[in-house]
């Protein structure tokens, strides 16, 4: 019997201009990095995740007036993707 190890989820913030920033650390740290992008003017980007098959949940930023909504939704999405990425062990 072989046990295949799944790659860990990888998170990215896609900026308005479609360049990417890889996010690292805890979920709260990753969201803080997204908010740094907000502060740099990229407040219409998206949170992206890879290596989680079947997990499709777009978190799209909707401008500076919706910063707190994005923060809460992104945090929940990162937590959910980490759980989904563990799958059946």
Protein backbone atom coordinates (compact mmCIF):
# COMPACT_ATOMS: atom_id res chain seq x y z
CA UNK A 1 0.00 0.00 0.00
CA UNK A 2 1.44 3.39 -1.00
CA UNK A 3 0.60 6.60 0.75
CA UNK A 4 0.80 9.57 -1.56
CA UNK A 5 1.51 12.85 0.16
CA UNK A 6 -0.58 15.74 -1.08
CA UNK A 7 1.16 19.02 -1.79
CA UNK A 8 0.27 21.75 0.67
CA UNK A 9 -2.11 24.45 -0.56
CA UNK A 10 -0.37 27.49 -2.02
CA UNK A 11 -2.03 30.90 -1.74
CA UNK A 12 -1.61 33.91 -3.98
CA UNK A 13 -3.02 37.42 -4.26
CA UNK A 14 -3.67 38.30 -7.89
CA UNK A 15 -3.36 42.05 -8.27
CA UNK A 16 -5.56 44.19 -10.50
CA UNK A 17 -2.88 44.01 -13.22
CA UNK A 18 -2.82 40.17 -13.05
CA UNK A 19 0.58 39.90 -11.39
CA UNK A 20 0.80 37.65 -8.36
CA UNK A 21 2.12 37.78 -4.83
CA UNK A 22 2.68 34.46 -3.09
CA UNK A 23 1.24 34.51 0.44
CA UNK A 24 3.04 32.83 3.34
CA UNK A 25 2.56 32.26 7.05
CA UNK A 26 -0.57 31.74 9.07
CA UNK A 27 -4.03 32.54 7.68
CA UNK A 28 -4.00 35.88 9.53
CA UNK A 29 -0.54 36.69 8.12
CA UNK A 30 -1.67 35.82 4.59
CA UNK A 31 -4.69 38.11 4.90
CA UNK A 32 -2.43 40.87 6.23
CA UNK A 33 -0.29 40.46 3.10
CA UNK A 34 -3.41 40.84 0.95
CA UNK A 35 -4.25 44.02 2.82
CA UNK A 36 -0.74 45.32 2.15
CA UNK A 37 -1.65 44.98 -1.53
CA UNK A 38 -4.82 46.98 -0.82
CA UNK A 39 -2.66 49.71 0.71
CA UNK A 40 -0.48 49.67 -2.42
CA UNK A 41 -3.60 50.39 -4.51
CA UNK A 42 -4.41 46.85 -5.69
CA UNK A 43 -7.87 46.68 -4.13
CA UNK A 44 -9.70 44.90 -6.96
CA UNK A 45 -7.60 41.73 -6.95
CA UNK A 46 -8.39 38.15 -5.98
CA UNK A 47 -7.28 35.57 -3.47
CA UNK A 48 -6.22 32.40 -5.30
CA UNK A 49 -5.29 28.90 -4.06
CA UNK A 50 -3.58 26.01 -5.80
CA UNK A 51 -3.08 22.32 -4.92
CA UNK A 52 -6.60 21.87 -3.55
CA UNK A 53 -8.47 19.81 -6.18
CA UNK A 54 -12.15 20.59 -6.28
CA UNK A 55 -11.80 23.66 -4.11
CA UNK A 56 -13.00 26.55 -6.19
CA UNK A 57 -13.82 29.57 -4.15
CA UNK A 58 -13.03 32.93 -5.60
CA UNK A 59 -12.52 35.76 -3.17
CA UNK A 60 -12.57 38.96 -5.14
CA UNK A 61 -11.77 42.36 -3.71
CA UNK A 62 -14.36 45.02 -4.47
CA UNK A 63 -12.46 48.20 -3.78
CA UNK A 64 -11.30 50.09 -0.72
CA UNK A 65 -14.81 50.55 0.66
CA UNK A 66 -15.13 46.77 1.05
CA UNK A 67 -11.78 46.09 2.74
CA UNK A 68 -13.28 44.56 5.89
CA UNK A 69 -15.64 42.30 3.90
CA UNK A 70 -12.67 41.08 1.88
CA UNK A 71 -10.61 40.51 5.04
CA UNK A 72 -13.28 38.36 6.67
CA UNK A 73 -14.13 36.41 3.51
CA UNK A 74 -10.46 35.81 2.66
CA UNK A 75 -9.71 34.56 6.17
CA UNK A 76 -12.62 32.11 6.03
CA UNK A 77 -11.61 30.93 2.54
CA UNK A 78 -8.00 30.31 3.58
CA UNK A 79 -9.16 28.33 6.62
CA UNK A 80 -11.56 26.28 4.44
CA UNK A 81 -8.88 25.62 1.80
CA UNK A 82 -6.44 24.42 4.46
CA UNK A 83 -9.04 21.97 5.76
CA UNK A 84 -10.00 20.84 2.23
CA UNK A 85 -6.33 20.48 1.32
CA UNK A 86 -5.84 17.90 4.06
CA UNK A 87 -8.51 15.70 2.49
CA UNK A 88 -8.78 12.06 3.52
CA UNK A 89 -5.59 11.18 5.36
